[in-house]
Amino acid sequence: MFPRIKEFKLNDDYTINIVFTNDELGIFDLKPFLDKGSFKSLNDLMTFKSAKLNDGVLTWNQRLDISPDTVYMLCTKN
């Protein structure tokens, strides 16, 4: 099992600075997801910026989330 997300910072270019529970740092680029299904709603920057952390999972409006495993596997580690 991959680490969960401990902290995050949303950037205006649809990237997300991540601190994982194992204290690794990474940058996740959400842009490749923005033309897919429910993620299309995140093209609105205000909606994107409404993200919350729910038990280590990034969520939007409590209906849309992205797996922390996906975030960990696809992010660029610092």
PDB file of N, CA and C in Angstrom:
ATOM      1  N   MET A   1       0.838  -1.178   0.000  1.00  0.00           N
ATOM      2  CA  MET A   1       0.000   0.000   0.000  1.00  0.00           C
ATOM      3  C   MET A   1       0.887   1.247   0.000  1.00  0.00           C
ATOM      4  N   PHE A   2       0.520   2.204  -0.812  1.00  0.00           N
ATOM      5  CA  PHE A   2       1.261   3.447  -0.916  1.00  0.00           C
ATOM      6  C   PHE A   2       0.856   4.396   0.214  1.00  0.00           C
ATOM      7  N   PRO A   3       1.714   5.380   0.513  1.00  0.00           N
ATOM      8  CA  PRO A   3       1.362   6.354   1.560  1.00  0.00           C
ATOM      9  C   PRO A   3       0.183   7.220   1.139  1.00  0.00           C
ATOM     10  N   ARG A   4      -0.489   7.743   2.105  1.00  0.00           N
ATOM     11  CA  ARG A   4      -1.593   8.676   1.887  1.00  0.00           C
ATOM     12  C   ARG A   4      -1.041  10.092   1.797  1.00  0.00           C
ATOM     13  N   ILE A   5      -1.917  11.013   1.458  1.00  0.00           N
ATOM     14  CA  ILE A   5      -1.544  12.416   1.370  1.00  0.00           C
ATOM     15  C   ILE A   5      -1.724  13.046   2.752  1.00  0.00           C
ATOM     16  N   LYS A   6      -0.682  13.742   3.197  1.00  0.00           N
ATOM     17  CA  LYS A   6      -0.725  14.393   4.511  1.00  0.00           C
ATOM     18  C   LYS A   6      -1.055  15.883   4.357  1.00  0.00           C
ATOM     19  N   GLU A   7      -0.468  16.529   3.365  1.00  0.00           N
ATOM     20  CA  GLU A   7      -0.687  17.957   3.107  1.00  0.00           C
ATOM     21  C   GLU A   7      -0.642  18.190   1.606  1.00  0.00           C
ATOM     22  N   PHE A   8      -1.271  19.266   1.168  1.00  0.00           N
ATOM     23  CA  PHE A   8      -1.212  19.602  -0.248  1.00  0.00           C
ATOM     24  C   PHE A   8      -1.367  21.107  -0.439  1.00  0.00           C
ATOM     25  N   LYS A   9      -0.881  21.581  -1.588  1.00  0.00           N
ATOM     26  CA  LYS A   9      -1.054  22.972  -1.988  1.00  0.00           C
ATOM     27  C   LYS A   9      -1.415  22.974  -3.467  1.00  0.00           C
ATOM     28  N   LEU A  10      -2.539  23.597  -3.786  1.00  0.00           N
ATOM     29  CA  LEU A  10      -3.015  23.666  -5.162  1.00  0.00           C
ATOM     30  C   LEU A  10      -2.383  24.859  -5.877  1.00  0.00           C
ATOM     31  N   ASN A  11      -1.931  24.645  -7.093  1.00  0.00           N
ATOM     32  CA  ASN A  11      -1.311  25.695  -7.890  1.00  0.00           C
ATOM     33  C   ASN A  11      -2.225  26.070  -9.055  1.00  0.00           C
ATOM     34  N   ASP A  12      -2.105  27.305  -9.525  1.00  0.00           N
ATOM     35  CA  ASP A  12      -2.970  27.803 -10.600  1.00  0.00           C
ATOM     36  C   ASP A  12      -2.789  27.064 -11.923  1.00  0.00           C
ATOM     37  N   ASP A  13      -1.693  26.330 -12.080  1.00  0.00           N
ATOM     38  CA  ASP A  13      -1.454  25.588 -13.327  1.00  0.00           C
ATOM     39  C   ASP A  13      -1.942  24.130 -13.240  1.00  0.00           C
ATOM     40  N   TYR A  14      -2.823  23.853 -12.290  1.00  0.00           N
ATOM     41  CA  TYR A  14      -3.414  22.532 -12.089  1.00  0.00           C
ATOM     42  C   TYR A  14      -2.394  21.483 -11.643  1.00  0.00           C
ATOM     43  N   THR A  15      -1.324  21.934 -11.040  1.00  0.00           N
ATOM     44  CA  THR A  15      -0.432  21.008 -10.359  1.00  0.00           C
ATOM     45  C   THR A  15      -0.704  21.111  -8.865  1.00  0.00           C
ATOM     46  N   ILE A  16      -0.296  20.077  -8.151  1.00  0.00           N
ATOM     47  CA  ILE A  16      -0.550  20.018  -6.710  1.00  0.00           C
ATOM     48  C   ILE A  16       0.743  19.601  -6.019  1.00  0.00           C
ATOM     49  N   ASN A  17       1.230  20.437  -5.116  1.00  0.00           N
ATOM     50  CA  ASN A  17       2.376  20.069  -4.293  1.00  0.00           C
ATOM     51  C   ASN A  17       1.855  19.165  -3.180  1.00  0.00           C
ATOM     52  N   ILE A  18       2.501  18.022  -3.015  1.00  0.00           N
ATOM     53  CA  ILE A  18       2.022  16.990  -2.090  1.00  0.00           C
ATOM     54  C   ILE A  18       3.088  16.678  -1.045  1.00  0.00           C
ATOM     55  N   VAL A  19       2.651  16.489   0.192  1.00  0.00           N
ATOM     56  CA  VAL A  19       3.464  15.876   1.242  1.00  0.00           C
ATOM     57  C   VAL A  19       2.729  14.596   1.615  1.00  0.00           C
ATOM     58  N   PHE A  20       3.424  13.474   1.473  1.00  0.00           N
ATOM     59  CA  PHE A  20       2.827  12.173   1.795  1.00  0.00           C
ATOM     60  C   PHE A  20       3.075  11.817   3.256  1.00  0.00           C
ATOM     61  N   THR A  21       2.359  10.826   3.750  1.00  0.00           N
ATOM     62  CA  THR A  21       2.480  10.426   5.151  1.00  0.00           C
ATOM     63  C   THR A  21       3.852   9.849   5.485  1.00  0.00           C
ATOM     64  N   ASN A  22       4.623   9.463   4.463  1.00  0.00           N
ATOM     65  CA  ASN A  22       5.994   8.997   4.718  1.00  0.00           C
ATOM     66  C   ASN A  22       6.991  10.155   4.577  1.00  0.00           C
ATOM     67  N   ASP A  23       6.469  11.386   4.489  1.00  0.00           N
ATOM     68  CA  ASP A  23       7.218  12.640   4.383  1.00  0.00           C
ATOM     69  C   ASP A  23       7.915  12.849   3.039  1.00  0.00           C
ATOM     70  N   GLU A  24       7.617  12.006   2.056  1.00  0.00           N
ATOM     71  CA  GLU A  24       8.103  12.284   0.703  1.00  0.00           C
ATOM     72  C   GLU A  24       7.333  13.468   0.140  1.00  0.00           C
ATOM     73  N   LEU A  25       8.010  14.241  -0.719  1.00  0.00           N
ATOM     74  CA  LEU A  25       7.406  15.385  -1.380  1.00  0.00           C
ATOM     75  C   LEU A  25       7.245  15.067  -2.859  1.00  0.00           C
ATOM     76  N   GLY A  26       6.193  15.591  -3.447  1.00  0.00           N
ATOM     77  CA  GLY A  26       5.995  15.381  -4.869  1.00  0.00           C
ATOM     78  C   GLY A  26       5.122  16.462  -5.472  1.00  0.00           C
ATOM     79  N   ILE A  27       5.109  16.484  -6.800  1.00  0.00           N
ATOM     80  CA  ILE A  27       4.233  17.387  -7.541  1.00  0.00           C
ATOM     81  C   ILE A  27       3.389  16.526  -8.473  1.00  0.00           C
ATOM     82  N   PHE A  28       2.082  16.658  -8.333  1.00  0.00           N
ATOM     83  CA  PHE A  28       1.143  15.901  -9.154  1.00  0.00           C
ATOM     84  C   PHE A  28       0.507  16.840 -10.167  1.00  0.00           C
ATOM     85  N   ASP A  29       0.537  16.451 -11.437  1.00  0.00           N
ATOM     86  CA  ASP A  29      -0.041  17.242 -12.519  1.00  0.00           C
ATOM     87  C   ASP A  29      -1.417  16.674 -12.860  1.00  0.00           C
ATOM     88  N   LEU A  30      -2.453  17.438 -12.582  1.00  0.00           N
ATOM     89  CA  LEU A  30      -3.820  16.982 -12.824  1.00  0.00           C
ATOM     90  C   LEU A  30      -4.278  17.224 -14.272  1.00  0.00           C
ATOM     91  N   LYS A  31      -3.532  18.013 -15.033  1.00  0.00           N
ATOM     92  CA  LYS A  31      -3.965  18.386 -16.390  1.00  0.00           C
ATOM     93  C   LYS A  31      -4.346  17.191 -17.270  1.00  0.00           C
ATOM     94  N   PRO A  32      -3.628  16.072 -17.267  1.00  0.00           N
ATOM     95  CA  PRO A  32      -4.026  14.950 -18.124  1.00  0.00           C
ATOM     96  C   PRO A  32      -5.405  14.362 -17.789  1.00  0.00           C
ATOM     97  N   PHE A  33      -5.928  14.649 -16.619  1.00  0.00           N
ATOM     98  CA  PHE A  33      -7.224  14.120 -16.201  1.00  0.00           C
ATOM     99  C   PHE A  33      -8.385  15.055 -16.556  1.00  0.00           C
ATOM    100  N   LEU A  34      -8.084  16.304 -16.894  1.00  0.00           N
ATOM    101  CA  LEU A  34      -9.118  17.336 -17.009  1.00  0.00           C
ATOM    102  C   LEU A  34     -10.061  17.165 -18.193  1.00  0.00           C
ATOM    103  N   ASP A  35      -9.765  16.258 -19.106  1.00  0.00           N
ATOM    104  CA  ASP A  35     -10.671  16.012 -20.229  1.00  0.00           C
ATOM    105  C   ASP A  35     -11.397  14.673 -20.089  1.00  0.00           C
ATOM    106  N   LYS A  36     -11.378  14.113 -18.883  1.00  0.00           N
ATOM    107  CA  LYS A  36     -11.955  12.794 -18.637  1.00  0.00           C
ATOM    108  C   LYS A  36     -13.112  12.863 -17.637  1.00  0.00           C
ATOM    109  N   GLY A  37     -14.254  12.366 -18.035  1.00  0.00           N
ATOM    110  CA  GLY A  37     -15.402  12.182 -17.153  1.00  0.00           C
ATOM    111  C   GLY A  37     -15.676  13.331 -16.204  1.00  0.00           C
ATOM    112  N   SER A  38     -15.846  12.980 -14.941  1.00  0.00           N
ATOM    113  CA  SER A  38     -16.185  13.966 -13.913  1.00  0.00           C
ATOM    114  C   SER A  38     -15.079  14.988 -13.678  1.00  0.00           C
ATOM    115  N   PHE A  39     -13.849  14.639 -14.042  1.00  0.00           N
ATOM    116  CA  PHE A  39     -12.744  15.573 -13.835  1.00  0.00           C
ATOM    117  C   PHE A  39     -12.867  16.813 -14.711  1.00  0.00           C
ATOM    118  N   LYS A  40     -13.701  16.772 -15.752  1.00  0.00           N
ATOM    119  CA  LYS A  40     -13.914  17.948 -16.601  1.00  0.00           C
ATOM    120  C   LYS A  40     -14.396  19.149 -15.782  1.00  0.00           C
ATOM    121  N   SER A  41     -15.135  18.875 -14.713  1.00  0.00           N
ATOM    122  CA  SER A  41     -15.642  19.974 -13.875  1.00  0.00           C
ATOM    123  C   SER A  41     -14.511  20.751 -13.208  1.00  0.00           C
ATOM    124  N   LEU A  42     -13.335  20.141 -13.105  1.00  0.00           N
ATOM    125  CA  LEU A  42     -12.206  20.804 -12.448  1.00  0.00           C
ATOM    126  C   LEU A  42     -11.491  21.776 -13.372  1.00  0.00           C
ATOM    127  N   ASN A  43     -11.926  21.866 -14.643  1.00  0.00           N
ATOM    128  CA  ASN A  43     -11.375  22.882 -15.539  1.00  0.00           C
ATOM    129  C   ASN A  43     -11.672  24.286 -15.025  1.00  0.00           C
ATOM    130  N   ASP A  44     -12.722  24.406 -14.228  1.00  0.00           N
ATOM    131  CA  ASP A  44     -13.017  25.669 -13.560  1.00  0.00           C
ATOM    132  C   ASP A  44     -12.054  25.793 -12.378  1.00  0.00           C
ATOM    133  N   LEU A  45     -11.189  26.813 -12.429  1.00  0.00           N
ATOM    134  CA  LEU A  45     -10.145  26.955 -11.415  1.00  0.00           C
ATOM    135  C   LEU A  45     -10.705  27.061  -9.997  1.00  0.00           C
ATOM    136  N   MET A  46     -11.840  27.733  -9.846  1.00  0.00           N
ATOM    137  CA  MET A  46     -12.446  27.843  -8.508  1.00  0.00           C
ATOM    138  C   MET A  46     -12.872  26.468  -7.982  1.00  0.00           C
ATOM    139  N   THR A  47     -13.394  25.631  -8.857  1.00  0.00           N
ATOM    140  CA  THR A  47     -13.776  24.278  -8.452  1.00  0.00           C
ATOM    141  C   THR A  47     -12.538  23.473  -8.092  1.00  0.00           C
ATOM    142  N   PHE A  48     -11.512  23.564  -8.919  1.00  0.00           N
ATOM    143  CA  PHE A  48     -10.244  22.882  -8.634  1.00  0.00           C
ATOM    144  C   PHE A  48      -9.706  23.302  -7.274  1.00  0.00           C
ATOM    145  N   LYS A  49      -9.751  24.592  -7.001  1.00  0.00           N
ATOM    146  CA  LYS A  49      -9.198  25.129  -5.751  1.00  0.00           C
ATOM    147  C   LYS A  49     -10.046  24.787  -4.519  1.00  0.00           C
ATOM    148  N   SER A  50     -11.192  24.157  -4.720  1.00  0.00           N
ATOM    149  CA  SER A  50     -12.052  23.785  -3.584  1.00  0.00           C
ATOM    150  C   SER A  50     -11.688  22.426  -2.993  1.00  0.00           C
ATOM    151  N   ALA A  51     -10.591  21.842  -3.403  1.00  0.00           N
ATOM    152  CA  ALA A  51     -10.194  20.512  -2.926  1.00  0.00           C
ATOM    153  C   ALA A  51     -10.025  20.485  -1.413  1.00  0.00           C
ATOM    154  N   LYS A  52     -10.387  19.360  -0.849  1.00  0.00           N
ATOM    155  CA  LYS A  52     -10.224  19.096   0.583  1.00  0.00           C
ATOM    156  C   LYS A  52      -9.512  17.756   0.739  1.00  0.00           C
ATOM    157  N   LEU A  53      -8.959  17.537   1.901  1.00  0.00           N
ATOM    158  CA  LEU A  53      -8.324  16.269   2.225  1.00  0.00           C
ATOM    159  C   LEU A  53      -9.255  15.490   3.139  1.00  0.00           C
ATOM    160  N   ASN A  54      -9.602  14.282   2.728  1.00  0.00           N
ATOM    161  CA  ASN A  54     -10.515  13.442   3.488  1.00  0.00           C
ATOM    162  C   ASN A  54      -9.840  12.091   3.718  1.00  0.00           C
ATOM    163  N   ASP A  55      -9.318  11.870   4.915  1.00  0.00           N
ATOM    164  CA  ASP A  55      -8.611  10.628   5.253  1.00  0.00           C
ATOM    165  C   ASP A  55      -7.497  10.314   4.272  1.00  0.00           C
ATOM    166  N   GLY A  56      -6.714  11.334   3.904  1.00  0.00           N
ATOM    167  CA  GLY A  56      -5.572  11.130   3.027  1.00  0.00           C
ATOM    168  C   GLY A  56      -5.899  11.075   1.548  1.00  0.00           C
ATOM    169  N   VAL A  57      -7.140  11.429   1.194  1.00  0.00           N
ATOM    170  CA  VAL A  57      -7.593  11.384  -0.196  1.00  0.00           C
ATOM    171  C   VAL A  57      -8.031  12.788  -0.607  1.00  0.00           C
ATOM    172  N   LEU A  58      -7.543  13.262  -1.763  1.00  0.00           N
ATOM    173  CA  LEU A  58      -7.999  14.544  -2.297  1.00  0.00           C
ATOM    174  C   LEU A  58      -9.415  14.396  -2.831  1.00  0.00           C
ATOM    175  N   THR A  59     -10.310  15.269  -2.378  1.00  0.00           N
ATOM    176  CA  THR A  59     -11.703  15.204  -2.809  1.00  0.00           C
ATOM    177  C   THR A  59     -12.194  16.593  -3.206  1.00  0.00           C
ATOM    178  N   TRP A  60     -13.169  16.594  -4.097  1.00  0.00           N
ATOM    179  CA  TRP A  60     -13.835  17.817  -4.528  1.00  0.00           C
ATOM    180  C   TRP A  60     -15.325  17.597  -4.359  1.00  0.00           C
ATOM    181  N   ASN A  61     -15.987  18.476  -3.655  1.00  0.00           N
ATOM    182  CA  ASN A  61     -17.440  18.427  -3.453  1.00  0.00           C
ATOM    183  C   ASN A  61     -17.926  17.090  -2.903  1.00  0.00           C
ATOM    184  N   GLN A  62     -17.099  16.355  -2.240  1.00  0.00           N
ATOM    185  CA  GLN A  62     -17.427  15.059  -1.634  1.00  0.00           C
ATOM    186  C   GLN A  62     -18.002  14.055  -2.630  1.00  0.00           C
ATOM    187  N   ARG A  63     -17.881  14.350  -3.940  1.00  0.00           N
ATOM    188  CA  ARG A  63     -18.360  13.404  -4.952  1.00  0.00           C
ATOM    189  C   ARG A  63     -17.239  12.931  -5.854  1.00  0.00           C
ATOM    190  N   LEU A  64     -16.205  13.716  -5.972  1.00  0.00           N
ATOM    191  CA  LEU A  64     -15.104  13.427  -6.877  1.00  0.00           C
ATOM    192  C   LEU A  64     -13.826  13.316  -6.067  1.00  0.00           C
ATOM    193  N   ASP A  65     -13.075  12.259  -6.302  1.00  0.00           N
ATOM    194  CA  ASP A  65     -11.792  12.123  -5.617  1.00  0.00           C
ATOM    195  C   ASP A  65     -10.801  11.449  -6.552  1.00  0.00           C
ATOM    196  N   ILE A  66      -9.563  11.467  -6.129  1.00  0.00           N
ATOM    197  CA  ILE A  66      -8.511  10.773  -6.868  1.00  0.00           C
ATOM    198  C   ILE A  66      -7.727   9.941  -5.869  1.00  0.00           C
ATOM    199  N   SER A  67      -7.486   8.723  -6.239  1.00  0.00           N
ATOM    200  CA  SER A  67      -6.812   7.781  -5.352  1.00  0.00           C
ATOM    201  C   SER A  67      -5.424   8.281  -4.960  1.00  0.00           C
ATOM    202  N   PRO A  68      -5.095   8.203  -3.681  1.00  0.00           N
ATOM    203  CA  PRO A  68      -3.753   8.590  -3.273  1.00  0.00           C
ATOM    204  C   PRO A  68      -2.692   7.669  -3.882  1.00  0.00           C
ATOM    205  N   ASP A  69      -3.069   6.428  -4.201  1.00  0.00           N
ATOM    206  CA  ASP A  69      -2.142   5.518  -4.880  1.00  0.00           C
ATOM    207  C   ASP A  69      -1.803   6.049  -6.265  1.00  0.00           C
ATOM    208  N   THR A  70      -2.819   6.542  -6.991  1.00  0.00           N
ATOM    209  CA  THR A  70      -2.601   7.126  -8.311  1.00  0.00           C
ATOM    210  C   THR A  70      -1.722   8.357  -8.197  1.00  0.00           C
ATOM    211  N   VAL A  71      -2.026   9.208  -7.232  1.00  0.00           N
ATOM    212  CA  VAL A  71      -1.239  10.420  -7.029  1.00  0.00           C
ATOM    213  C   VAL A  71       0.213  10.049  -6.756  1.00  0.00           C
ATOM    214  N   TYR A  72       0.432   9.083  -5.878  1.00  0.00           N
ATOM    215  CA  TYR A  72       1.799   8.687  -5.513  1.00  0.00           C
ATOM    216  C   TYR A  72       2.544   8.107  -6.705  1.00  0.00           C
ATOM    217  N   MET A  73       1.889   7.248  -7.474  1.00  0.00           N
ATOM    218  CA  MET A  73       2.548   6.608  -8.608  1.00  0.00           C
ATOM    219  C   MET A  73       2.883   7.591  -9.725  1.00  0.00           C
ATOM    220  N   LEU A  74       2.023   8.588  -9.946  1.00  0.00           N
ATOM    221  CA  LEU A  74       2.188   9.485 -11.083  1.00  0.00           C
ATOM    222  C   LEU A  74       2.863  10.816 -10.766  1.00  0.00           C
ATOM    223  N   CYS A  75       3.070  11.108  -9.501  1.00  0.00           N
ATOM    224  CA  CYS A  75       3.676  12.403  -9.183  1.00  0.00           C
ATOM    225  C   CYS A  75       5.191  12.353  -9.379  1.00  0.00           C
ATOM    226  N   THR A  76       5.735  13.532  -9.600  1.00  0.00           N
ATOM    227  CA  THR A  76       7.171  13.693  -9.681  1.00  0.00           C
ATOM    228  C   THR A  76       7.685  13.893  -8.271  1.00  0.00           C
ATOM    229  N   LYS A  77       8.507  12.989  -7.794  1.00  0.00           N
ATOM    230  CA  LYS A  77       9.014  13.063  -6.417  1.00  0.00           C
ATOM    231  C   LYS A  77      10.168  14.054  -6.345  1.00  0.00           C
ATOM    232  N   ASN A  78      10.206  14.800  -5.254  1.00  0.00           N
ATOM    233  CA  ASN A  78      11.291  15.764  -5.033  1.00  0.00           C
ATOM    234  C   ASN A  78      12.359  15.131  -4.158  1.00  0.00           C
TER     235      ASN A  78
END
